[in-house]
Amino acid sequence: IEATASGAISANDAVIINSDGTVSKPTTIASVFGSKQEFTSNEPLWIDCCYEPVNNKVVVVYSDGSDSNRIKAIAGTVDGSNKTVTWGTAINLHTNTSYSCYYPRITETNDDGWCVVVWYSTYNSNRLKANSIKTSSSDNSLTLQANNQTYGLSINALSNAYTTTKTYPFDIAWNTGSGGREGGMVVQTNTGYTVTAKAVKISSDGTMSAPGNSMNLWTSMQHKNVAIAFNPDNNNYLVVSGEYQGDGGPGIDDWGTIDARVIYANTSDNVTVNTAGISVNDGYVGDPGIYDVSYAPKYKKFLVGYRWENNSGNGNIYGLLLDTNSVTTAGGTTQTIARGTSILVDDIIKTQSNFMLGGGIAFDEDKDCWVMSWRGANAPNAYGAIVGIVKYDGTSLSKVTAVSIETGNTRYFSNTYDPDTKTSIIAYQDSSNDGQVVVMVPESDTLRDKNFIGFAQAGYSNGATAKISVVGNQSTHSSLTPASIYYVQKDGTISTTADSPSVEAGIALSTTKLLIKG
């Protein structure tokens, strides 16, 4: 075949077909980061963000440390080409004179542009409050729902939230699988370390309610933090929580477990538990701090991001793979959570107070990887902003070396993915106490399991018409082992060992000839 070369191609290089119809040699594209985009010059605390898909907006919520810790939100539009964000104007999510509101968590609903926010209110008897905000199709403005403007809706039966500067004590996720108005789920750890779940709903005008009964998911154990994510394939939620179990004994550091279970809301909006709470980690994880969990539709699996801490305050960042594919809301004989592999994402986290200060994880659907962010070590970068990438090949996890996107005292991290611009967005407070986001495209391999087409017949410059030998043709190489199957590697070379993804190049006919499989 003939096609236009995208980039230089050498003779006998493996060639892939690109989405624009050009051909190129497989390669690994490095991560690309945009510059910081400030969304507030005030002091944003406990930042969270989401992507609102109806109007293609990124929405950030935070507790405003320069305004008596009121909860605020701001929307923006991402420019994928320049990796910039155009912001609207921040709005208050409650109009009363309350103060000391913390830990805002936001979720999109996939319905009419509405997002739902929950937060912790010291002013209102340590209760969880909630409100809904709507994005605009014409600009970057936000509209606050009218019925809960004063204090926000009280989430029934969820009071006395356990709060710590180390972890998120509660989280929210929404049923985006079969219509936004199906509702969502809030999970929370209270001061007695009991993890409770409560269904929430939203009407077409954004009015929120908290119907049905709450459910205790774990009791009488020190579950200090919790995270939740929705599984649109099975129409239920995965809840994970870090359980601290104390001193492991003389000479042994503190230890704990990561617990998980699957829940959903029934037709009466009561919380129903599919699976018993089980421990899903390797065993010893110190004092586990879970900061997020993210679902990958392509793999139908979750990745849990967590940090463990030992008695000395040292710790590591991990990713843990979980599979709830056998768990259905209809019940059945196989109702189990399968634990996959785990991976050490970063081992340079050293002693520091308030070690969590937020963290984020989101799945990039275009690059097939999870992007993670967290506050780094106190040395050498003085709590800098760290970004890591975790990949899955269908069997095991791998990582890309974590990088620092800013040095200095950064904190309060959150991630989201924008499928419209195919970019990841990382929100955080920078070393000047300003609110920032960085738009990025993570490192990715251009080789896919279906895009290899053959080998170049000669060398071609960028833009030249290239002739490609495809399936059934022969390609000239050297030092081949006759009768051996060869595989295309991510860098465009060939080997008798399969890479990830596994792409068969062909079978060697001699030491110099390869019969192309394609």
Protein backbone atom coordinates (compact mmCIF):
# COMPACT_ATOMS: atom_id res chain seq x y z
CA ILE A 1 0.00 0.00 0.00
CA GLU A 2 0.97 3.68 -0.25
CA ALA A 3 0.35 6.31 2.41
CA THR A 4 1.77 9.62 3.60
CA ALA A 5 4.57 9.31 6.18
CA SER A 6 4.11 11.13 9.46
CA GLY A 7 7.66 11.64 10.65
CA ALA A 8 10.74 9.95 9.27
CA ILE A 9 10.57 6.20 8.59
CA SER A 10 13.63 4.03 7.94
CA ALA A 11 13.74 1.04 5.62
CA ASN A 12 12.16 -2.09 7.13
CA ASP A 13 10.73 -0.19 10.09
CA ALA A 14 7.48 -1.54 11.52
CA VAL A 15 4.65 0.82 10.52
CA ILE A 16 1.32 1.71 12.11
CA ILE A 17 -1.70 3.46 10.62
CA ASN A 18 -2.78 6.66 12.38
CA SER A 19 -6.30 7.99 12.86
CA ASP A 20 -5.71 10.65 10.16
CA GLY A 21 -4.71 8.03 7.58
CA THR A 22 -0.96 8.70 7.73
CA VAL A 23 1.59 6.05 8.66
CA SER A 24 4.47 6.21 11.12
CA LYS A 25 6.95 4.15 13.11
CA PRO A 26 5.67 3.11 16.58
CA THR A 27 7.09 5.27 19.34
CA THR A 28 6.51 6.43 22.90
CA ILE A 29 5.26 10.02 23.19
CA ALA A 30 6.42 11.81 26.34
CA SER A 31 3.99 13.48 28.72
CA VAL A 32 3.17 17.08 27.84
CA PHE A 33 2.19 19.64 30.49
CA GLY A 34 0.61 23.05 30.01
CA SER A 35 1.42 26.04 32.17
CA LYS A 36 -0.39 26.74 35.44
CA GLN A 37 -3.88 28.19 35.04
CA GLU A 38 -5.01 30.10 38.13
CA PHE A 39 -8.67 29.76 39.15
CA THR A 40 -8.41 31.79 42.37
CA SER A 41 -5.86 33.98 44.12
CA ASN A 42 -7.53 33.29 47.46
CA GLU A 43 -6.49 30.35 49.61
CA PRO A 44 -8.37 27.28 48.31
CA LEU A 45 -8.49 24.38 50.76
CA TRP A 46 -9.54 20.77 50.08
CA ILE A 47 -9.89 21.16 46.32
CA ASP A 48 -11.94 18.74 44.24
CA CYS A 49 -12.85 18.80 40.55
CA CYS A 50 -14.90 16.98 37.94
CA TYR A 51 -15.67 17.08 34.23
CA GLU A 52 -19.25 18.03 33.36
CA PRO A 53 -19.98 16.30 30.00
CA VAL A 54 -23.21 17.99 28.89
CA ASN A 55 -21.59 21.41 28.40
CA ASN A 56 -17.96 20.23 28.33
CA LYS A 57 -16.83 22.11 31.42
CA VAL A 58 -14.32 21.47 34.17
CA VAL A 59 -15.77 22.42 37.56
CA VAL A 60 -13.58 23.01 40.63
CA VAL A 61 -14.87 23.30 44.21
CA TYR A 62 -12.91 24.42 47.26
CA SER A 63 -13.14 25.81 50.77
CA ASP A 64 -12.10 29.48 50.57
CA GLY A 65 -9.54 30.05 53.33
CA SER A 66 -9.62 33.80 52.63
CA ASP A 67 -13.41 34.00 53.09
CA SER A 68 -14.17 32.22 56.37
CA ASN A 69 -13.92 28.82 54.67
CA ARG A 70 -17.07 29.15 52.61
CA ILE A 71 -17.54 26.56 49.86
CA LYS A 72 -17.08 27.97 46.35
CA ALA A 73 -17.14 26.63 42.81
CA ILE A 74 -15.85 27.82 39.45
CA ALA A 75 -16.22 26.44 35.92
CA GLY A 76 -13.84 26.58 32.97
CA THR A 77 -13.40 25.44 29.38
CA VAL A 78 -10.25 23.56 28.38
CA ASP A 79 -8.36 24.40 25.19
CA GLY A 80 -6.74 21.08 24.34
CA SER A 81 -4.38 22.51 21.73
CA ASN A 82 -2.83 25.12 24.01
CA LYS A 83 -3.51 23.19 27.24
CA THR A 84 -5.09 26.22 28.84
CA VAL A 85 -8.34 26.90 30.69
CA THR A 86 -10.69 29.87 30.34
CA TRP A 87 -12.41 30.46 33.70
CA GLY A 88 -15.76 31.93 34.64
CA THR A 89 -16.55 33.61 37.97
CA ALA A 90 -16.54 31.75 41.29
CA ILE A 91 -19.85 31.47 43.17
CA ASN A 92 -20.78 30.63 46.77
CA LEU A 93 -22.62 27.37 47.33
CA HIS A 94 -24.38 28.75 50.40
CA THR A 95 -25.49 32.30 51.11
CA ASN A 96 -25.74 32.30 54.91
CA THR A 97 -23.08 33.74 57.17
CA SER A 98 -21.77 30.29 58.06
CA TYR A 99 -18.09 29.57 58.30
CA SER A 100 -15.69 26.64 58.72
CA CYS A 101 -16.92 24.48 55.86
CA TYR A 102 -14.40 21.90 54.64
CA TYR A 103 -13.70 18.85 52.48
CA PRO A 104 -15.93 19.67 49.45
CA ARG A 105 -16.42 16.75 47.06
CA ILE A 106 -18.05 17.12 43.64
CA THR A 107 -19.53 14.75 41.07
CA GLU A 108 -21.07 15.25 37.64
CA THR A 109 -24.55 13.83 37.02
CA ASN A 110 -24.54 13.57 33.18
CA ASP A 111 -27.93 15.30 33.24
CA ASP A 112 -28.80 18.85 32.08
CA GLY A 113 -25.41 20.20 33.16
CA TRP A 114 -25.96 19.63 36.91
CA CYS A 115 -23.17 18.79 39.33
CA VAL A 116 -23.64 17.85 42.99
CA VAL A 117 -21.35 19.02 45.80
CA VAL A 118 -21.18 17.78 49.40
CA TRP A 119 -19.17 19.34 52.22
CA TYR A 120 -18.64 19.30 55.98
CA SER A 121 -20.11 22.20 57.97
CA THR A 122 -18.72 22.98 61.43
CA TYR A 123 -21.21 25.84 61.59
CA ASN A 124 -24.18 23.49 61.14
CA SER A 125 -23.57 20.90 63.89
CA ASN A 126 -20.77 19.08 62.07
CA ARG A 127 -23.16 17.82 59.42
CA LEU A 128 -22.72 17.00 55.79
CA LYS A 129 -24.36 19.56 53.53
CA ALA A 130 -25.04 19.40 49.80
CA ASN A 131 -26.09 21.57 46.89
CA SER A 132 -26.32 21.38 43.11
CA ILE A 133 -24.82 23.74 40.55
CA LYS A 134 -25.46 23.93 36.81
CA THR A 135 -23.02 24.69 34.04
CA SER A 136 -23.88 26.82 31.02
CA SER A 137 -23.84 25.90 27.33
CA SER A 138 -22.98 29.46 26.30
CA ASP A 139 -20.25 30.57 28.73
CA ASN A 140 -18.32 29.54 31.86
CA SER A 141 -20.91 30.68 34.39
CA LEU A 142 -22.46 28.52 37.11
CA THR A 143 -26.02 28.64 38.47
CA LEU A 144 -26.74 27.69 42.08
CA GLN A 145 -29.90 25.67 42.70
CA ALA A 146 -32.51 27.84 44.43
CA ASN A 147 -33.94 25.56 47.13
CA ASN A 148 -30.77 24.92 49.14
CA GLN A 149 -29.04 28.27 48.85
CA THR A 150 -29.02 29.23 52.53
CA TYR A 151 -27.21 26.36 54.25
CA GLY A 152 -27.24 23.56 51.70
CA LEU A 153 -29.27 20.40 52.05
CA SER A 154 -28.57 18.33 55.18
CA ILE A 155 -27.76 14.75 54.26
CA ASN A 156 -30.06 12.90 56.68
CA ALA A 157 -28.50 10.73 59.37
CA LEU A 158 -24.99 11.72 58.41
CA SER A 159 -23.70 13.98 61.16
CA ASN A 160 -20.61 14.22 63.33
CA ALA A 161 -18.24 13.56 60.48
CA TYR A 162 -14.79 12.35 61.40
CA THR A 163 -12.34 14.95 60.14
CA THR A 164 -8.59 14.81 59.82
CA THR A 165 -6.09 16.73 57.78
CA LYS A 166 -4.73 13.43 56.45
CA THR A 167 -7.63 11.95 54.52
CA TYR A 168 -11.02 12.49 52.95
CA PRO A 169 -13.62 11.42 55.54
CA PHE A 170 -16.39 11.19 52.94
CA ASP A 171 -16.95 10.98 49.20
CA ILE A 172 -19.71 11.09 46.57
CA ALA A 173 -20.29 9.29 43.26
CA TRP A 174 -23.17 9.41 40.78
CA ASN A 175 -25.07 6.83 38.77
CA THR A 176 -24.04 7.83 35.25
CA GLY A 177 -24.85 4.47 33.70
CA SER A 178 -28.57 4.66 33.00
CA GLY A 179 -29.56 8.32 33.33
CA GLY A 180 -28.35 11.06 35.62
CA ARG A 181 -31.52 11.28 37.66
CA GLU A 182 -31.02 7.75 38.90
CA GLY A 183 -29.20 9.48 41.75
CA GLY A 184 -25.94 9.12 43.60
CA MET A 185 -24.38 7.83 46.78
CA VAL A 186 -22.59 9.54 49.66
CA VAL A 187 -20.30 7.57 51.98
CA GLN A 188 -18.88 8.93 55.22
CA THR A 189 -16.77 8.02 58.24
CA ASN A 190 -18.14 9.47 61.50
CA THR A 191 -16.40 10.17 64.78
CA GLY A 192 -17.00 6.57 65.90
CA TYR A 193 -15.15 5.29 62.80
CA THR A 194 -18.37 3.88 61.37
CA VAL A 195 -18.65 4.10 57.59
CA THR A 196 -22.18 4.98 56.48
CA ALA A 197 -23.78 5.22 53.04
CA LYS A 198 -26.78 7.33 52.01
CA ALA A 199 -28.52 7.73 48.65
CA VAL A 200 -29.05 11.22 47.20
CA LYS A 201 -31.16 12.30 44.23
CA ILE A 202 -31.70 15.33 42.01
CA SER A 203 -34.75 16.48 40.07
CA SER A 204 -34.87 18.12 36.65
CA ASP A 205 -34.64 21.61 38.19
CA GLY A 206 -31.67 20.63 40.37
CA THR A 207 -33.61 20.19 43.61
CA MET A 208 -31.77 17.70 45.80
CA SER A 209 -33.17 15.16 48.24
CA ALA A 210 -31.80 12.41 50.46
CA PRO A 211 -34.52 9.71 50.48
CA GLY A 212 -34.36 6.18 51.84
CA ASN A 213 -32.49 4.76 54.78
CA SER A 214 -28.78 4.97 55.46
CA MET A 215 -26.67 1.84 55.86
CA ASN A 216 -23.66 1.18 58.08
CA LEU A 217 -21.00 -0.46 55.93
CA TRP A 218 -18.37 -0.97 58.62
CA THR A 219 -18.73 -0.54 62.39
CA SER A 220 -16.48 -0.86 65.44
CA MET A 221 -13.32 -0.48 63.40
CA GLN A 222 -11.10 2.54 62.82
CA HIS A 223 -12.03 3.39 59.26
CA LYS A 224 -10.60 6.89 59.01
CA ASN A 225 -11.13 7.53 55.30
CA VAL A 226 -13.33 6.42 52.45
CA ALA A 227 -13.73 6.68 48.67
CA ILE A 228 -16.46 5.62 46.24
CA ALA A 229 -16.78 5.21 42.47
CA PHE A 230 -19.62 4.06 40.21
CA ASN A 231 -19.50 1.03 37.92
CA PRO A 232 -21.74 1.78 34.89
CA ASP A 233 -21.33 -1.76 33.55
CA ASN A 234 -22.85 -3.41 36.63
CA ASN A 235 -24.86 -0.43 37.86
CA ASN A 236 -23.40 -0.38 41.38
CA TYR A 237 -20.76 1.33 43.51
CA LEU A 238 -17.42 0.21 44.87
CA VAL A 239 -16.61 1.59 48.33
CA VAL A 240 -13.08 1.37 49.73
CA SER A 241 -11.92 2.41 53.19
CA GLY A 242 -8.64 2.41 55.07
CA GLU A 243 -8.81 0.59 58.40
CA TYR A 244 -6.17 1.41 61.01
CA GLN A 245 -5.54 -1.54 63.32
CA GLY A 246 -2.83 -0.16 65.58
CA ASP A 247 0.61 -1.27 66.65
CA GLY A 248 1.75 -4.55 65.14
CA GLY A 249 3.78 -5.39 68.22
CA PRO A 250 7.32 -4.80 69.52
CA GLY A 251 9.57 -3.63 66.72
CA ILE A 252 6.71 -3.67 64.21
CA ASP A 253 5.19 -0.52 62.75
CA ASP A 254 1.53 0.42 62.83
CA TRP A 255 -0.52 -1.64 60.44
CA GLY A 256 -3.93 -1.72 58.84
CA THR A 257 -5.90 -2.97 55.87
CA ILE A 258 -7.81 -1.65 52.88
CA ASP A 259 -11.40 -2.85 52.98
CA ALA A 260 -13.86 -2.91 50.08
CA ARG A 261 -17.48 -3.75 49.37
CA VAL A 262 -20.10 -3.16 46.68
CA ILE A 263 -23.37 -1.31 47.29
CA TYR A 264 -26.31 0.12 45.36
CA ALA A 265 -29.61 1.92 45.98
CA ASN A 266 -32.76 -0.18 45.53
CA THR A 267 -36.10 1.02 44.15
CA SER A 268 -36.98 2.50 47.57
CA ASP A 269 -33.69 4.43 47.60
CA ASN A 270 -32.44 2.32 50.49
CA VAL A 271 -28.80 1.29 50.45
CA THR A 272 -28.27 -2.40 49.68
CA VAL A 273 -25.01 -4.25 50.24
CA ASN A 274 -23.95 -6.78 47.61
CA THR A 275 -20.78 -8.06 49.22
CA ALA A 276 -19.45 -8.48 52.71
CA GLY A 277 -16.60 -6.17 53.63
CA ILE A 278 -13.32 -7.81 52.69
CA SER A 279 -9.67 -6.86 52.97
CA VAL A 280 -8.16 -6.46 49.52
CA ASN A 281 -4.59 -5.30 50.11
CA ASP A 282 -1.35 -7.25 50.50
CA GLY A 283 -1.65 -7.23 54.29
CA TYR A 284 0.71 -4.77 55.94
CA VAL A 285 0.04 -1.22 54.78
CA GLY A 286 0.81 0.77 57.91
CA ASP A 287 -1.84 3.41 58.56
CA PRO A 288 -3.57 3.44 55.14
CA GLY A 289 -4.78 6.70 53.68
CA ILE A 290 -7.06 6.30 50.66
CA TYR A 291 -7.34 9.38 48.52
CA ASP A 292 -9.34 8.23 45.50
CA VAL A 293 -10.66 5.33 43.42
CA SER A 294 -11.21 5.45 39.64
CA TYR A 295 -13.04 3.12 37.23
CA ALA A 296 -11.64 2.22 33.78
CA PRO A 297 -14.49 1.27 31.38
CA LYS A 298 -12.05 -0.29 28.90
CA TYR A 299 -10.75 -2.80 31.45
CA LYS A 300 -13.86 -2.91 33.69
CA LYS A 301 -11.61 -2.49 36.70
CA PHE A 302 -10.96 0.02 39.46
CA LEU A 303 -7.65 1.47 40.60
CA VAL A 304 -7.42 2.52 44.25
CA GLY A 305 -4.84 5.17 45.07
CA TYR A 306 -3.58 5.07 48.63
CA ARG A 307 -0.67 5.93 50.86
CA TRP A 308 0.54 3.94 53.82
CA GLU A 309 2.38 5.43 56.77
CA ASN A 310 4.57 3.68 59.34
CA ASN A 311 5.38 4.73 62.90
CA SER A 312 8.07 7.10 61.67
CA GLY A 313 5.70 8.90 59.34
CA ASN A 314 7.44 7.53 56.24
CA GLY A 315 5.28 6.09 53.52
CA ASN A 316 4.72 5.16 49.90
CA ILE A 317 2.11 5.81 47.24
CA TYR A 318 0.44 2.67 45.83
CA GLY A 319 -2.08 1.73 43.18
CA LEU A 320 -4.28 -1.32 43.80
CA LEU A 321 -6.37 -2.99 41.08
CA LEU A 322 -9.86 -4.28 41.96
CA ASP A 323 -12.46 -6.08 39.84
CA THR A 324 -16.18 -6.13 40.69
CA ASN A 325 -17.31 -7.63 37.39
CA SER A 326 -18.96 -10.62 39.06
CA VAL A 327 -20.97 -8.39 41.41
CA THR A 328 -24.38 -7.39 40.01
CA THR A 329 -27.25 -5.42 41.48
CA ALA A 330 -29.57 -8.31 40.65
CA GLY A 331 -27.63 -10.61 42.94
CA GLY A 332 -26.53 -14.09 42.01
CA THR A 333 -24.28 -16.91 43.03
CA THR A 334 -20.97 -15.15 42.36
CA GLN A 335 -20.81 -11.95 44.39
CA THR A 336 -17.13 -11.36 44.99
CA ILE A 337 -14.58 -8.59 44.64
CA ALA A 338 -11.46 -9.84 42.87
CA ARG A 339 -8.17 -8.34 43.93
CA GLY A 340 -5.72 -7.67 41.10
CA THR A 341 -2.11 -6.59 41.21
CA SER A 342 -0.75 -3.63 43.13
CA ILE A 343 2.13 -1.34 42.24
CA LEU A 344 4.44 0.97 44.12
CA VAL A 345 3.95 4.27 42.34
CA ASP A 346 6.29 6.40 44.47
CA ASP A 347 8.60 5.46 47.34
CA ILE A 348 10.10 8.85 48.12
CA ILE A 349 7.37 10.10 50.46
CA LYS A 350 9.16 10.94 53.70
CA THR A 351 8.17 12.18 57.13
CA GLN A 352 5.75 15.07 56.96
CA SER A 353 2.81 16.35 58.95
CA ASN A 354 -0.62 16.31 57.32
CA PHE A 355 0.71 13.90 54.73
CA MET A 356 -2.40 13.54 52.61
CA LEU A 357 -3.59 17.07 51.96
CA GLY A 358 -5.55 15.74 49.03
CA GLY A 359 -4.72 13.40 46.18
CA GLY A 360 -6.33 12.49 42.91
CA ILE A 361 -6.66 9.70 40.37
CA ALA A 362 -8.58 9.61 37.07
CA PHE A 363 -8.58 7.30 34.05
CA ASP A 364 -7.49 8.76 30.71
CA GLU A 365 -9.73 6.98 28.19
CA ASP A 366 -7.67 8.10 25.18
CA LYS A 367 -4.24 7.05 26.46
CA ASP A 368 -5.52 4.01 28.41
CA CYS A 369 -3.87 4.89 31.71
CA TRP A 370 -4.58 6.30 35.14
CA VAL A 371 -3.13 9.70 36.03
CA MET A 372 -2.38 10.19 39.73
CA SER A 373 -1.36 13.29 41.67
CA TRP A 374 -0.22 13.84 45.24
CA ARG A 375 1.85 15.99 47.55
CA GLY A 376 5.49 14.98 47.37
CA ALA A 377 8.17 14.52 49.96
CA ASN A 378 9.70 17.19 52.13
CA ALA A 379 12.96 16.59 50.26
CA PRO A 380 14.30 17.27 47.75
CA ASN A 381 11.38 19.32 46.41
CA ALA A 382 9.78 20.61 49.64
CA TYR A 383 6.34 19.03 49.20
CA GLY A 384 6.21 19.61 45.45
CA ALA A 385 3.33 18.67 43.15
CA ILE A 386 3.87 15.11 41.88
CA VAL A 387 2.20 13.38 38.94
CA GLY A 388 2.42 9.66 38.22
CA ILE A 389 1.02 7.43 35.46
CA VAL A 390 -0.16 3.84 35.95
CA LYS A 391 -0.82 1.51 33.00
CA TYR A 392 -2.52 -1.89 32.71
CA ASP A 393 -1.80 -4.52 30.06
CA GLY A 394 -4.62 -6.89 30.93
CA THR A 395 -2.45 -8.82 33.37
CA SER A 396 -0.38 -6.49 35.51
CA LEU A 397 0.19 -2.84 36.33
CA SER A 398 3.19 -0.78 35.27
CA LYS A 399 4.18 2.80 35.93
CA VAL A 400 5.86 5.76 34.33
CA THR A 401 8.41 7.48 36.55
CA ALA A 402 6.65 10.16 38.59
CA VAL A 403 7.55 13.78 37.83
CA SER A 404 7.29 17.03 39.75
CA ILE A 405 5.24 19.73 38.04
CA GLU A 406 5.95 22.33 40.74
CA THR A 407 8.37 22.62 43.65
CA GLY A 408 7.51 24.27 46.92
CA ASN A 409 4.73 23.74 49.44
CA THR A 410 1.85 22.43 47.30
CA ARG A 411 -1.26 20.60 48.56
CA TYR A 412 -4.95 19.64 48.09
CA PHE A 413 -4.77 17.66 44.85
CA SER A 414 -7.59 16.44 42.64
CA ASN A 415 -7.75 14.99 39.09
CA THR A 416 -10.32 14.70 36.34
CA TYR A 417 -10.31 13.68 32.67
CA ASP A 418 -11.77 15.75 29.82
CA PRO A 419 -12.79 13.39 26.97
CA ASP A 420 -13.75 16.34 24.76
CA THR A 421 -10.15 17.59 24.55
CA LYS A 422 -8.56 14.25 25.55
CA THR A 423 -6.62 15.89 28.36
CA SER A 424 -6.16 15.31 32.08
CA ILE A 425 -6.65 18.18 34.52
CA ILE A 426 -4.81 18.41 37.85
CA ALA A 427 -6.09 20.94 40.39
CA TYR A 428 -4.15 21.96 43.52
CA GLN A 429 -3.04 24.80 45.78
CA ASP A 430 0.39 26.08 44.77
CA SER A 431 3.27 27.29 46.93
CA SER A 432 1.82 30.82 46.90
CA ASN A 433 -1.54 29.52 48.26
CA ASP A 434 -3.25 30.21 44.94
CA GLY A 435 -5.58 27.76 43.21
CA GLN A 436 -4.13 26.30 40.00
CA VAL A 437 -4.83 23.66 37.41
CA VAL A 438 -2.38 22.09 34.99
CA VAL A 439 -3.68 20.54 31.77
CA MET A 440 -1.66 17.56 30.57
CA VAL A 441 -1.52 14.69 28.11
CA PRO A 442 0.17 11.65 29.70
CA GLU A 443 2.94 9.59 28.15
CA SER A 444 1.56 7.06 25.71
CA ASP A 445 2.63 4.40 23.24
CA THR A 446 1.42 4.79 19.65
CA LEU A 447 1.44 1.02 19.07
CA ARG A 448 -2.00 -0.52 19.57
CA ASP A 449 -3.19 -4.09 19.25
CA LYS A 450 -4.94 -3.28 15.93
CA ASN A 451 -2.94 -0.52 14.19
CA PHE A 452 0.16 -2.39 12.93
CA ILE A 453 -0.06 -2.77 9.14
CA GLY A 454 3.38 -3.85 7.92
CA PHE A 455 6.98 -2.77 7.19
CA ALA A 456 8.43 0.12 5.18
CA GLN A 457 9.97 -0.91 1.86
CA ALA A 458 12.51 1.95 2.01
CA GLY A 459 13.39 5.07 3.98
CA TYR A 460 10.92 8.00 3.79
CA SER A 461 10.98 11.57 5.04
CA ASN A 462 8.08 13.29 6.77
CA GLY A 463 5.26 13.96 4.29
CA ALA A 464 6.65 11.63 1.62
CA THR A 465 4.58 8.90 -0.02
CA ALA A 466 5.65 5.68 1.68
CA LYS A 467 5.31 2.16 0.28
CA ILE A 468 4.40 -0.37 2.95
CA SER A 469 4.63 -4.15 2.61
CA VAL A 470 1.56 -5.60 4.31
CA VAL A 471 0.25 -9.04 5.28
CA GLY A 472 1.60 -11.90 3.15
CA ASN A 473 4.62 -9.93 1.93
CA GLN A 474 8.20 -10.36 3.06
CA SER A 475 10.34 -7.86 4.97
CA THR A 476 14.13 -7.90 5.14
CA HIS A 477 15.81 -8.05 8.56
CA SER A 478 18.96 -9.54 10.05
CA SER A 479 19.84 -12.17 12.64
CA LEU A 480 16.39 -13.73 12.60
CA THR A 481 15.78 -17.24 13.92
CA PRO A 482 13.97 -19.25 11.22
CA ALA A 483 10.49 -20.57 12.18
CA SER A 484 10.29 -18.20 15.14
CA ILE A 485 7.35 -15.83 15.62
CA TYR A 486 8.34 -12.18 15.99
CA TYR A 487 6.42 -9.39 17.73
CA VAL A 488 6.41 -5.63 17.19
CA GLN A 489 7.82 -3.70 20.16
CA LYS A 490 6.60 -0.30 21.38
CA ASP A 491 9.73 1.33 19.94
CA GLY A 492 9.15 -0.19 16.49
CA THR A 493 11.77 -2.95 16.71
CA ILE A 494 10.86 -6.65 16.57
CA SER A 495 11.55 -9.43 19.06
CA THR A 496 10.58 -13.04 19.75
CA THR A 497 9.17 -11.79 23.07
CA ALA A 498 5.77 -10.10 22.99
CA ASP A 499 5.52 -6.53 24.26
CA SER A 500 2.43 -4.88 25.70
CA PRO A 501 0.22 -4.83 23.75
CA SER A 502 1.07 -8.14 22.09
CA VAL A 503 1.29 -7.46 18.33
CA GLU A 504 2.47 -10.27 16.06
CA ALA A 505 4.75 -9.11 13.26
CA GLY A 506 5.13 -12.43 11.45
CA ILE A 507 7.21 -15.60 11.21
CA ALA A 508 10.86 -15.79 10.16
CA LEU A 509 11.38 -17.69 6.90
CA SER A 510 15.17 -17.37 7.12
CA THR A 511 17.79 -15.35 8.96
CA THR A 512 16.91 -12.30 6.80
CA LYS A 513 13.27 -12.74 5.70
CA LEU A 514 10.11 -12.23 7.73
CA LEU A 515 6.67 -13.25 6.41
CA ILE A 516 4.37 -10.43 7.55
CA LYS A 517 1.28 -11.42 9.51
CA GLY A 518 -0.32 -8.01 10.03
